[in-house]
Amino acid sequence: MKLAYLLSAVLAIIGTTRNSLARGETAHYSGELEVEAAAEAKQLVPKSDYVIELDRTVYHDVLKTHDMVFIEFYANWCAACHAMSSEFDAFAKAARKEYPQVAIARADITNVEYLSSSYMVSMLPELVFIRRPAPGATPEVRYVSANFTKSELLDYIGRGWAIDKPAGDYTTLWCTPTNFCGHLGGLIGEFVVYLDKHFNRFDIPPWAFMAAFVSVLYLVGQVLVGYLARLIRRKYRAQLNKKLDDAIQAAANGPSTPKAGSKASRQGSATKRAKSKTSKSD
């Protein structure tokens, strides 16, 4: 039932999207892309000497060399990101002096799909604070709740981060955006973007394409898990039946008797001969 329901959902998503495109939404969606492309070409969020621009390689290097990292996720087409860029740059400049041990970084979600997928960015600008509680420990990830002002962000990296709980809480730090779960999520995000660019022939919106891809991936996983489960059950039943057959065969044959020439048989013959000699001498 689950497989049928999910398959129906995938087909419904694809069918609905294709019908929407047929009604003329393709032109609207393409127009939005053109506006975003023009904004990216003509208006870029200003760079700063106090902010590290992240890609996947730089991100992993920064995470290895710093116990505390503060990241702003932004995009050049995001009006709020432009409006707050000067405040963030002022914060980064002040943090360089007051908290030199904290790496202040920024990631453009349109260029680093790996990071936006790892941290499941849902709004812009998104602020994230990463803190390693002890050397070699799993870094804690907090989504910053402080207001986007220089003073509040400085207070946050000083000690204000304590008001926010780490993503996943302390009991599940084995699965956070900074380790295996985040790495896997980032790779899946990059893979979906690659598929969207090279195989999305119907110009399906990225959210619908990703939903369809994840649903298909889930279906394949369910089929594989079910197939492996059947193989394991079949093997277990075969072993159990073999044990039952052996037990039934042993019960049918009755108690075992010593074979001719065996040690027990020779000892029995010797005992009989000894008894025979004793009776004759009597």
C-alpha atoms as a PDB file:
ATOM      1  CA  MET A   1       0.000   0.000   0.000  1.00  0.00           C
ATOM      2  CA  LYS A   2       2.783   2.428   0.878  1.00  0.00           C
ATOM      3  CA  LEU A   3       4.555   1.799  -2.411  1.00  0.00           C
ATOM      4  CA  ALA A   4       1.371   2.322  -4.384  1.00  0.00           C
ATOM      5  CA  TYR A   5       0.578   5.523  -2.491  1.00  0.00           C
ATOM      6  CA  LEU A   6       4.047   6.981  -3.015  1.00  0.00           C
ATOM      7  CA  LEU A   7       4.058   6.034  -6.683  1.00  0.00           C
ATOM      8  CA  SER A   8       0.691   7.737  -7.103  1.00  0.00           C
ATOM      9  CA  ALA A   9       2.051  10.835  -5.349  1.00  0.00           C
ATOM     10  CA  VAL A  10       5.053  10.988  -7.671  1.00  0.00           C
ATOM     11  CA  LEU A  11       2.866  10.627 -10.753  1.00  0.00           C
ATOM     12  CA  ALA A  12       0.508  13.292  -9.397  1.00  0.00           C
ATOM     13  CA  ILE A  13       3.380  15.720  -8.839  1.00  0.00           C
ATOM     14  CA  ILE A  14       4.700  15.207 -12.346  1.00  0.00           C
ATOM     15  CA  GLY A  15       1.246  15.359 -13.893  1.00  0.00           C
ATOM     16  CA  THR A  16       0.254  18.503 -12.008  1.00  0.00           C
ATOM     17  CA  THR A  17       3.497  20.210 -12.915  1.00  0.00           C
ATOM     18  CA  ARG A  18       3.176  19.357 -16.584  1.00  0.00           C
ATOM     19  CA  ASN A  19      -0.435  20.614 -16.635  1.00  0.00           C
ATOM     20  CA  SER A  20       0.658  23.864 -14.988  1.00  0.00           C
ATOM     21  CA  LEU A  21       3.372  24.289 -17.554  1.00  0.00           C
ATOM     22  CA  ALA A  22       0.814  23.730 -20.298  1.00  0.00           C
ATOM     23  CA  ARG A  23      -1.308  26.552 -18.867  1.00  0.00           C
ATOM     24  CA  GLY A  24       1.527  29.018 -19.339  1.00  0.00           C
ATOM     25  CA  GLU A  25       3.410  28.882 -16.037  1.00  0.00           C
ATOM     26  CA  THR A  26       6.575  28.030 -17.914  1.00  0.00           C
ATOM     27  CA  ALA A  27       6.862  31.584 -19.158  1.00  0.00           C
ATOM     28  CA  HIS A  28       6.269  32.971 -15.664  1.00  0.00           C
ATOM     29  CA  TYR A  29       8.885  30.688 -14.119  1.00  0.00           C
ATOM     30  CA  SER A  30      11.399  31.479 -16.871  1.00  0.00           C
ATOM     31  CA  GLY A  31      10.736  35.183 -16.313  1.00  0.00           C
ATOM     32  CA  GLU A  32      11.591  34.824 -12.620  1.00  0.00           C
ATOM     33  CA  LEU A  33      14.826  33.076 -13.541  1.00  0.00           C
ATOM     34  CA  GLU A  34      15.727  35.889 -15.923  1.00  0.00           C
ATOM     35  CA  VAL A  35      15.096  38.490 -13.200  1.00  0.00           C
ATOM     36  CA  GLU A  36      17.284  36.559 -10.753  1.00  0.00           C
ATOM     37  CA  ALA A  37      20.026  36.136 -13.352  1.00  0.00           C
ATOM     38  CA  ALA A  38      19.965  39.864 -14.105  1.00  0.00           C
ATOM     39  CA  ALA A  39      20.182  40.677 -10.395  1.00  0.00           C
ATOM     40  CA  GLU A  40      23.142  38.353  -9.977  1.00  0.00           C
ATOM     41  CA  ALA A  41      24.917  39.914 -12.968  1.00  0.00           C
ATOM     42  CA  LYS A  42      24.332  43.575 -12.042  1.00  0.00           C
ATOM     43  CA  GLN A  43      23.997  43.604  -8.252  1.00  0.00           C
ATOM     44  CA  LEU A  44      26.270  41.498  -6.065  1.00  0.00           C
ATOM     45  CA  VAL A  45      26.432  41.405  -2.290  1.00  0.00           C
ATOM     46  CA  PRO A  46      29.673  43.294  -1.484  1.00  0.00           C
ATOM     47  CA  LYS A  47      32.678  41.230  -0.450  1.00  0.00           C
ATOM     48  CA  SER A  48      34.545  41.936   2.786  1.00  0.00           C
ATOM     49  CA  ASP A  49      38.138  41.434   3.886  1.00  0.00           C
ATOM     50  CA  TYR A  50      36.820  40.241   7.263  1.00  0.00           C
ATOM     51  CA  VAL A  51      34.480  37.563   5.887  1.00  0.00           C
ATOM     52  CA  ILE A  52      35.562  34.188   4.463  1.00  0.00           C
ATOM     53  CA  GLU A  53      33.720  33.221   1.281  1.00  0.00           C
ATOM     54  CA  LEU A  54      32.921  29.516   1.489  1.00  0.00           C
ATOM     55  CA  ASP A  55      32.891  26.729  -1.036  1.00  0.00           C
ATOM     56  CA  ARG A  56      32.904  23.063  -0.095  1.00  0.00           C
ATOM     57  CA  THR A  57      36.711  22.799   0.235  1.00  0.00           C
ATOM     58  CA  VAL A  58      37.121  26.053   2.173  1.00  0.00           C
ATOM     59  CA  TYR A  59      34.223  25.071   4.443  1.00  0.00           C
ATOM     60  CA  HIS A  60      35.848  21.789   5.488  1.00  0.00           C
ATOM     61  CA  ASP A  61      39.214  23.508   6.010  1.00  0.00           C
ATOM     62  CA  VAL A  62      37.644  26.200   8.207  1.00  0.00           C
ATOM     63  CA  LEU A  63      35.732  23.592  10.201  1.00  0.00           C
ATOM     64  CA  LYS A  64      38.961  21.680  10.876  1.00  0.00           C
ATOM     65  CA  THR A  65      41.035  24.697  11.922  1.00  0.00           C
ATOM     66  CA  HIS A  66      38.464  26.601  14.022  1.00  0.00           C
ATOM     67  CA  ASP A  67      36.446  25.552  17.042  1.00  0.00           C
ATOM     68  CA  MET A  68      33.907  28.319  16.406  1.00  0.00           C
ATOM     69  CA  VAL A  69      32.516  29.364  13.019  1.00  0.00           C
ATOM     70  CA  PHE A  70      29.772  31.890  12.259  1.00  0.00           C
ATOM     71  CA  ILE A  71      28.157  31.531   8.811  1.00  0.00           C
ATOM     72  CA  GLU A  72      25.729  33.747   6.928  1.00  0.00           C
ATOM     73  CA  PHE A  73      23.832  32.091   4.088  1.00  0.00           C
ATOM     74  CA  TYR A  74      22.863  34.602   1.406  1.00  0.00           C
ATOM     75  CA  ALA A  75      22.115  35.062  -2.290  1.00  0.00           C
ATOM     76  CA  ASN A  76      22.755  37.937  -4.664  1.00  0.00           C
ATOM     77  CA  TRP A  77      19.078  38.055  -5.655  1.00  0.00           C
ATOM     78  CA  CYS A  78      17.990  38.372  -1.996  1.00  0.00           C
ATOM     79  CA  ALA A  79      16.957  41.982  -1.237  1.00  0.00           C
ATOM     80  CA  ALA A  80      17.210  41.437   2.541  1.00  0.00           C
ATOM     81  CA  CYS A  81      20.761  40.153   2.135  1.00  0.00           C
ATOM     82  CA  HIS A  82      21.739  43.376   0.365  1.00  0.00           C
ATOM     83  CA  ALA A  83      20.031  45.496   3.018  1.00  0.00           C
ATOM     84  CA  MET A  84      21.856  43.724   5.872  1.00  0.00           C
ATOM     85  CA  SER A  85      25.263  43.310   4.216  1.00  0.00           C
ATOM     86  CA  SER A  86      26.745  46.481   5.718  1.00  0.00           C
ATOM     87  CA  GLU A  87      25.609  45.467   9.222  1.00  0.00           C
ATOM     88  CA  PHE A  88      27.126  42.012   8.792  1.00  0.00           C
ATOM     89  CA  ASP A  89      30.414  43.485   7.534  1.00  0.00           C
ATOM     90  CA  ALA A  90      30.573  45.816  10.557  1.00  0.00           C
ATOM     91  CA  PHE A  91      29.938  42.830  12.823  1.00  0.00           C
ATOM     92  CA  ALA A  92      32.661  40.793  11.082  1.00  0.00           C
ATOM     93  CA  LYS A  93      35.190  43.636  11.428  1.00  0.00           C
ATOM     94  CA  ALA A  94      34.468  44.047  15.144  1.00  0.00           C
ATOM     95  CA  ALA A  95      34.512  40.279  15.729  1.00  0.00           C
ATOM     96  CA  ARG A  96      37.989  40.053  14.161  1.00  0.00           C
ATOM     97  CA  LYS A  97      39.269  42.252  17.022  1.00  0.00           C
ATOM     98  CA  GLU A  98      37.156  41.023  19.944  1.00  0.00           C
ATOM     99  CA  TYR A  99      36.902  37.326  19.052  1.00  0.00           C
ATOM    100  CA  PRO A 100      39.813  36.455  16.726  1.00  0.00           C
ATOM    101  CA  GLN A 101      39.295  32.742  17.428  1.00  0.00           C
ATOM    102  CA  VAL A 102      35.897  32.835  15.668  1.00  0.00           C
ATOM    103  CA  ALA A 103      35.863  32.443  11.880  1.00  0.00           C
ATOM    104  CA  ILE A 104      33.259  34.719  10.273  1.00  0.00           C
ATOM    105  CA  ALA A 105      32.172  33.249   6.947  1.00  0.00           C
ATOM    106  CA  ARG A 106      29.537  33.590   4.256  1.00  0.00           C
ATOM    107  CA  ALA A 107      28.071  31.134   1.732  1.00  0.00           C
ATOM    108  CA  ASP A 108      26.183  31.958  -1.465  1.00  0.00           C
ATOM    109  CA  ILE A 109      23.478  29.312  -1.701  1.00  0.00           C
ATOM    110  CA  THR A 110      23.331  29.588  -5.486  1.00  0.00           C
ATOM    111  CA  ASN A 111      27.006  28.646  -5.770  1.00  0.00           C
ATOM    112  CA  VAL A 112      27.359  26.165  -2.892  1.00  0.00           C
ATOM    113  CA  GLU A 113      24.407  23.797  -3.080  1.00  0.00           C
ATOM    114  CA  TYR A 114      26.340  21.379  -0.849  1.00  0.00           C
ATOM    115  CA  LEU A 115      26.160  23.756   2.132  1.00  0.00           C
ATOM    116  CA  SER A 116      22.590  24.940   1.641  1.00  0.00           C
ATOM    117  CA  SER A 117      21.460  21.293   1.509  1.00  0.00           C
ATOM    118  CA  SER A 118      23.625  20.280   4.483  1.00  0.00           C
ATOM    119  CA  TYR A 119      22.086  22.995   6.664  1.00  0.00           C
ATOM    120  CA  MET A 120      18.611  22.828   5.048  1.00  0.00           C
ATOM    121  CA  VAL A 121      18.514  26.594   4.551  1.00  0.00           C
ATOM    122  CA  SER A 122      14.881  27.719   4.479  1.00  0.00           C
ATOM    123  CA  MET A 123      15.206  31.505   4.711  1.00  0.00           C
ATOM    124  CA  LEU A 124      17.602  34.278   3.728  1.00  0.00           C
ATOM    125  CA  PRO A 125      19.714  35.545   5.226  1.00  0.00           C
ATOM    126  CA  GLU A 126      20.203  32.493   7.493  1.00  0.00           C
ATOM    127  CA  LEU A 127      22.718  32.704  10.338  1.00  0.00           C
ATOM    128  CA  VAL A 128      24.402  29.618  11.788  1.00  0.00           C
ATOM    129  CA  PHE A 129      26.828  29.336  14.692  1.00  0.00           C
ATOM    130  CA  ILE A 130      29.085  26.273  14.926  1.00  0.00           C
ATOM    131  CA  ARG A 131      30.894  25.545  18.187  1.00  0.00           C
ATOM    132  CA  ARG A 132      33.071  22.608  19.169  1.00  0.00           C
ATOM    133  CA  PRO A 133      32.532  22.006  22.921  1.00  0.00           C
ATOM    134  CA  ALA A 134      35.852  20.165  23.366  1.00  0.00           C
ATOM    135  CA  PRO A 135      38.863  19.255  21.203  1.00  0.00           C
ATOM    136  CA  GLY A 136      37.919  16.405  18.876  1.00  0.00           C
ATOM    137  CA  ALA A 137      34.219  16.571  19.844  1.00  0.00           C
ATOM    138  CA  THR A 138      31.364  16.799  17.362  1.00  0.00           C
ATOM    139  CA  PRO A 139      30.647  20.482  16.614  1.00  0.00           C
ATOM    140  CA  GLU A 140      27.335  21.814  17.841  1.00  0.00           C
ATOM    141  CA  VAL A 141      25.215  23.665  15.272  1.00  0.00           C
ATOM    142  CA  ARG A 142      22.870  26.460  16.350  1.00  0.00           C
ATOM    143  CA  TYR A 143      20.515  28.458  14.152  1.00  0.00           C
ATOM    144  CA  VAL A 144      20.989  31.997  15.436  1.00  0.00           C
ATOM    145  CA  SER A 145      17.914  33.552  17.029  1.00  0.00           C
ATOM    146  CA  ALA A 146      19.561  36.925  17.786  1.00  0.00           C
ATOM    147  CA  ASN A 147      18.553  40.074  15.914  1.00  0.00           C
ATOM    148  CA  PHE A 148      20.626  40.946  12.859  1.00  0.00           C
ATOM    149  CA  THR A 149      22.572  43.812  14.453  1.00  0.00           C
ATOM    150  CA  LYS A 150      26.273  44.265  15.131  1.00  0.00           C
ATOM    151  CA  SER A 151      25.926  44.441  18.912  1.00  0.00           C
ATOM    152  CA  GLU A 152      23.583  41.460  19.280  1.00  0.00           C
ATOM    153  CA  LEU A 153      25.658  39.248  16.987  1.00  0.00           C
ATOM    154  CA  LEU A 154      28.801  40.125  18.958  1.00  0.00           C
ATOM    155  CA  ASP A 155      27.021  39.224  22.195  1.00  0.00           C
ATOM    156  CA  TYR A 156      25.848  36.005  20.587  1.00  0.00           C
ATOM    157  CA  ILE A 157      29.311  34.671  19.739  1.00  0.00           C
ATOM    158  CA  GLY A 158      30.533  35.848  23.139  1.00  0.00           C
ATOM    159  CA  ARG A 159      28.122  33.745  25.169  1.00  0.00           C
ATOM    160  CA  GLY A 160      24.655  34.458  23.848  1.00  0.00           C
ATOM    161  CA  TRP A 161      24.661  31.214  21.865  1.00  0.00           C
ATOM    162  CA  ALA A 162      23.683  29.409  25.088  1.00  0.00           C
ATOM    163  CA  ILE A 163      20.057  30.505  24.623  1.00  0.00           C
ATOM    164  CA  ASP A 164      19.709  28.311  21.528  1.00  0.00           C
ATOM    165  CA  LYS A 165      19.713  24.528  21.583  1.00  0.00           C
ATOM    166  CA  PRO A 166      22.006  22.692  19.157  1.00  0.00           C
ATOM    167  CA  ALA A 167      20.362  21.235  16.078  1.00  0.00           C
ATOM    168  CA  GLY A 168      19.483  17.640  16.951  1.00  0.00           C
ATOM    169  CA  ASP A 169      19.962  18.318  20.682  1.00  0.00           C
ATOM    170  CA  TYR A 170      22.793  16.856  22.748  1.00  0.00           C
ATOM    171  CA  THR A 171      21.522  13.269  22.590  1.00  0.00           C
ATOM    172  CA  THR A 172      21.791  12.991  18.808  1.00  0.00           C
ATOM    173  CA  LEU A 173      24.994  14.859  17.993  1.00  0.00           C
ATOM    174  CA  TRP A 174      26.067  11.909  15.843  1.00  0.00           C
ATOM    175  CA  CYS A 175      23.666  13.275  13.204  1.00  0.00           C
ATOM    176  CA  THR A 176      24.217  17.002  12.642  1.00  0.00           C
ATOM    177  CA  PRO A 177      24.893  19.227   9.597  1.00  0.00           C
ATOM    178  CA  THR A 178      28.635  19.028  10.341  1.00  0.00           C
ATOM    179  CA  ASN A 179      29.142  15.263  10.158  1.00  0.00           C
ATOM    180  CA  PHE A 180      27.791  12.266   8.248  1.00  0.00           C
ATOM    181  CA  CYS A 181      24.155  13.403   8.027  1.00  0.00           C
ATOM    182  CA  GLY A 182      25.127  16.845   6.769  1.00  0.00           C
ATOM    183  CA  HIS A 183      27.652  15.419   4.328  1.00  0.00           C
ATOM    184  CA  LEU A 184      25.094  12.985   2.940  1.00  0.00           C
ATOM    185  CA  GLY A 185      22.458  15.704   2.677  1.00  0.00           C
ATOM    186  CA  GLY A 186      24.919  17.972   0.865  1.00  0.00           C
ATOM    187  CA  LEU A 187      25.847  15.287  -1.639  1.00  0.00           C
ATOM    188  CA  ILE A 188      22.184  14.492  -2.306  1.00  0.00           C
ATOM    189  CA  GLY A 189      21.485  18.196  -2.853  1.00  0.00           C
ATOM    190  CA  GLU A 190      24.336  18.509  -5.335  1.00  0.00           C
ATOM    191  CA  PHE A 191      23.182  15.368  -7.128  1.00  0.00           C
ATOM    192  CA  VAL A 192      19.607  16.652  -7.432  1.00  0.00           C
ATOM    193  CA  VAL A 193      20.846  19.969  -8.843  1.00  0.00           C
ATOM    194  CA  TYR A 194      22.989  18.064 -11.358  1.00  0.00           C
ATOM    195  CA  LEU A 195      19.993  15.987 -12.425  1.00  0.00           C
ATOM    196  CA  ASP A 196      17.827  19.095 -12.655  1.00  0.00           C
ATOM    197  CA  LYS A 197      20.321  20.833 -14.944  1.00  0.00           C
ATOM    198  CA  HIS A 198      20.951  17.891 -17.238  1.00  0.00           C
ATOM    199  CA  PHE A 199      17.749  15.822 -17.239  1.00  0.00           C
ATOM    200  CA  ASN A 200      14.867  18.190 -16.451  1.00  0.00           C
ATOM    201  CA  ARG A 201      13.564  18.279 -20.017  1.00  0.00           C
ATOM    202  CA  PHE A 202      10.086  19.529 -19.083  1.00  0.00           C
ATOM    203  CA  ASP A 203      11.354  22.602 -17.189  1.00  0.00           C
ATOM    204  CA  ILE A 204       9.756  21.325 -13.975  1.00  0.00           C
ATOM    205  CA  PRO A 205      10.305  23.736 -11.050  1.00  0.00           C
ATOM    206  CA  PRO A 206      13.237  22.595  -8.861  1.00  0.00           C
ATOM    207  CA  TRP A 207      11.050  21.976  -5.789  1.00  0.00           C
ATOM    208  CA  ALA A 208       8.785  19.620  -7.772  1.00  0.00           C
ATOM    209  CA  PHE A 209      11.734  17.913  -9.418  1.00  0.00           C
ATOM    210  CA  MET A 210      13.392  17.372  -6.029  1.00  0.00           C
ATOM    211  CA  ALA A 211      10.146  16.036  -4.539  1.00  0.00           C
ATOM    212  CA  ALA A 212       9.775  13.587  -7.410  1.00  0.00           C
ATOM    213  CA  PHE A 213      13.405  12.495  -7.133  1.00  0.00           C
ATOM    214  CA  VAL A 214      13.215  11.945  -3.362  1.00  0.00           C
ATOM    215  CA  SER A 215       9.959  10.002  -3.751  1.00  0.00           C
ATOM    216  CA  VAL A 216      11.468   7.748  -6.410  1.00  0.00           C
ATOM    217  CA  LEU A 217      14.575   7.270  -4.266  1.00  0.00           C
ATOM    218  CA  TYR A 218      12.365   6.303  -1.332  1.00  0.00           C
ATOM    219  CA  LEU A 219      10.436   3.838  -3.475  1.00  0.00           C
ATOM    220  CA  VAL A 220      13.634   2.189  -4.685  1.00  0.00           C
ATOM    221  CA  GLY A 221      14.892   1.963  -1.111  1.00  0.00           C
ATOM    222  CA  GLN A 222      11.647   0.349   0.042  1.00  0.00           C
ATOM    223  CA  VAL A 223      11.816  -2.212  -2.761  1.00  0.00           C
ATOM    224  CA  LEU A 224      15.450  -3.073  -1.965  1.00  0.00           C
ATOM    225  CA  VAL A 225      14.781  -3.350   1.760  1.00  0.00           C
ATOM    226  CA  GLY A 226      11.762  -5.566   1.122  1.00  0.00           C
ATOM    227  CA  TYR A 227      13.757  -7.788  -1.241  1.00  0.00           C
ATOM    228  CA  LEU A 228      16.615  -8.186   1.259  1.00  0.00           C
ATOM    229  CA  ALA A 229      14.127  -8.911   4.052  1.00  0.00           C
ATOM    230  CA  ARG A 230      12.534 -11.688   1.965  1.00  0.00           C
ATOM    231  CA  LEU A 231      15.951 -13.209   1.254  1.00  0.00           C
ATOM    232  CA  ILE A 232      16.836 -13.196   4.949  1.00  0.00           C
ATOM    233  CA  ARG A 233      13.486 -14.750   5.920  1.00  0.00           C
ATOM    234  CA  ARG A 234      13.846 -17.401   3.212  1.00  0.00           C
ATOM    235  CA  LYS A 235      17.328 -18.323   4.405  1.00  0.00           C
ATOM    236  CA  TYR A 236      16.191 -18.483   8.042  1.00  0.00           C
ATOM    237  CA  ARG A 237      13.224 -20.708   7.167  1.00  0.00           C
ATOM    238  CA  ALA A 238      15.477 -23.032   5.155  1.00  0.00           C
ATOM    239  CA  GLN A 239      17.826 -23.429   8.125  1.00  0.00           C
ATOM    240  CA  LEU A 240      14.907 -24.007  10.485  1.00  0.00           C
ATOM    241  CA  ASN A 241      13.339 -26.635   8.196  1.00  0.00           C
ATOM    242  CA  LYS A 242      16.678 -28.419   7.884  1.00  0.00           C
ATOM    243  CA  LYS A 243      16.981 -28.643  11.671  1.00  0.00           C
ATOM    244  CA  LEU A 244      13.439 -30.001  11.940  1.00  0.00           C
ATOM    245  CA  ASP A 245      14.073 -32.586   9.226  1.00  0.00           C
ATOM    246  CA  ASP A 246      17.269 -33.719  10.966  1.00  0.00           C
ATOM    247  CA  ALA A 247      15.411 -34.053  14.281  1.00  0.00           C
ATOM    248  CA  ILE A 248      12.593 -36.065  12.667  1.00  0.00           C
ATOM    249  CA  GLN A 249      15.089 -38.332  10.882  1.00  0.00           C
ATOM    250  CA  ALA A 250      16.997 -38.945  14.121  1.00  0.00           C
ATOM    251  CA  ALA A 251      13.775 -39.829  15.956  1.00  0.00           C
ATOM    252  CA  ALA A 252      12.705 -42.205  13.172  1.00  0.00           C
ATOM    253  CA  ASN A 253      16.003 -44.110  13.206  1.00  0.00           C
ATOM    254  CA  GLY A 254      15.725 -44.810  16.946  1.00  0.00           C
ATOM    255  CA  PRO A 255      18.660 -45.129  19.390  1.00  0.00           C
ATOM    256  CA  SER A 256      21.960 -45.744  17.695  1.00  0.00           C
ATOM    257  CA  THR A 257      23.647 -49.223  18.018  1.00  0.00           C
ATOM    258  CA  PRO A 258      27.425 -49.817  18.095  1.00  0.00           C
ATOM    259  CA  LYS A 259      28.828 -50.658  14.713  1.00  0.00           C
ATOM    260  CA  ALA A 260      30.775 -53.852  14.140  1.00  0.00           C
ATOM    261  CA  GLY A 261      34.452 -53.325  14.802  1.00  0.00           C
ATOM    262  CA  SER A 262      33.905 -50.253  16.937  1.00  0.00           C
ATOM    263  CA  LYS A 263      35.527 -49.853  20.340  1.00  0.00           C
ATOM    264  CA  ALA A 264      32.217 -50.294  22.166  1.00  0.00           C
ATOM    265  CA  SER A 265      31.504 -53.476  20.157  1.00  0.00           C
ATOM    266  CA  ARG A 266      34.935 -54.938  20.983  1.00  0.00           C
ATOM    267  CA  GLN A 267      34.507 -54.159  24.688  1.00  0.00           C
ATOM    268  CA  GLY A 268      31.102 -55.868  24.659  1.00  0.00           C
ATOM    269  CA  SER A 269      32.538 -59.016  23.037  1.00  0.00           C
ATOM    270  CA  ALA A 270      35.358 -59.158  25.594  1.00  0.00           C
ATOM    271  CA  THR A 271      32.865 -58.934  28.456  1.00  0.00           C
ATOM    272  CA  LYS A 272      30.780 -61.760  27.007  1.00  0.00           C
ATOM    273  CA  ARG A 273      33.853 -64.025  26.666  1.00  0.00           C
ATOM    274  CA  ALA A 274      34.900 -63.320  30.251  1.00  0.00           C
ATOM    275  CA  LYS A 275      31.423 -64.226  31.540  1.00  0.00           C
ATOM    276  CA  SER A 276      31.445 -67.435  29.447  1.00  0.00           C
ATOM    277  CA  LYS A 277      34.796 -68.576  30.923  1.00  0.00           C
ATOM    278  CA  THR A 278      33.604 -67.905  34.454  1.00  0.00           C
ATOM    279  CA  SER A 279      30.446 -69.970  33.990  1.00  0.00           C
ATOM    280  CA  LYS A 280      32.457 -72.918  32.589  1.00  0.00           C
ATOM    281  CA  SER A 281      34.882 -72.931  35.472  1.00  0.00           C
ATOM    282  CA  ASP A 282      31.963 -73.069  37.892  1.00  0.00           C
END
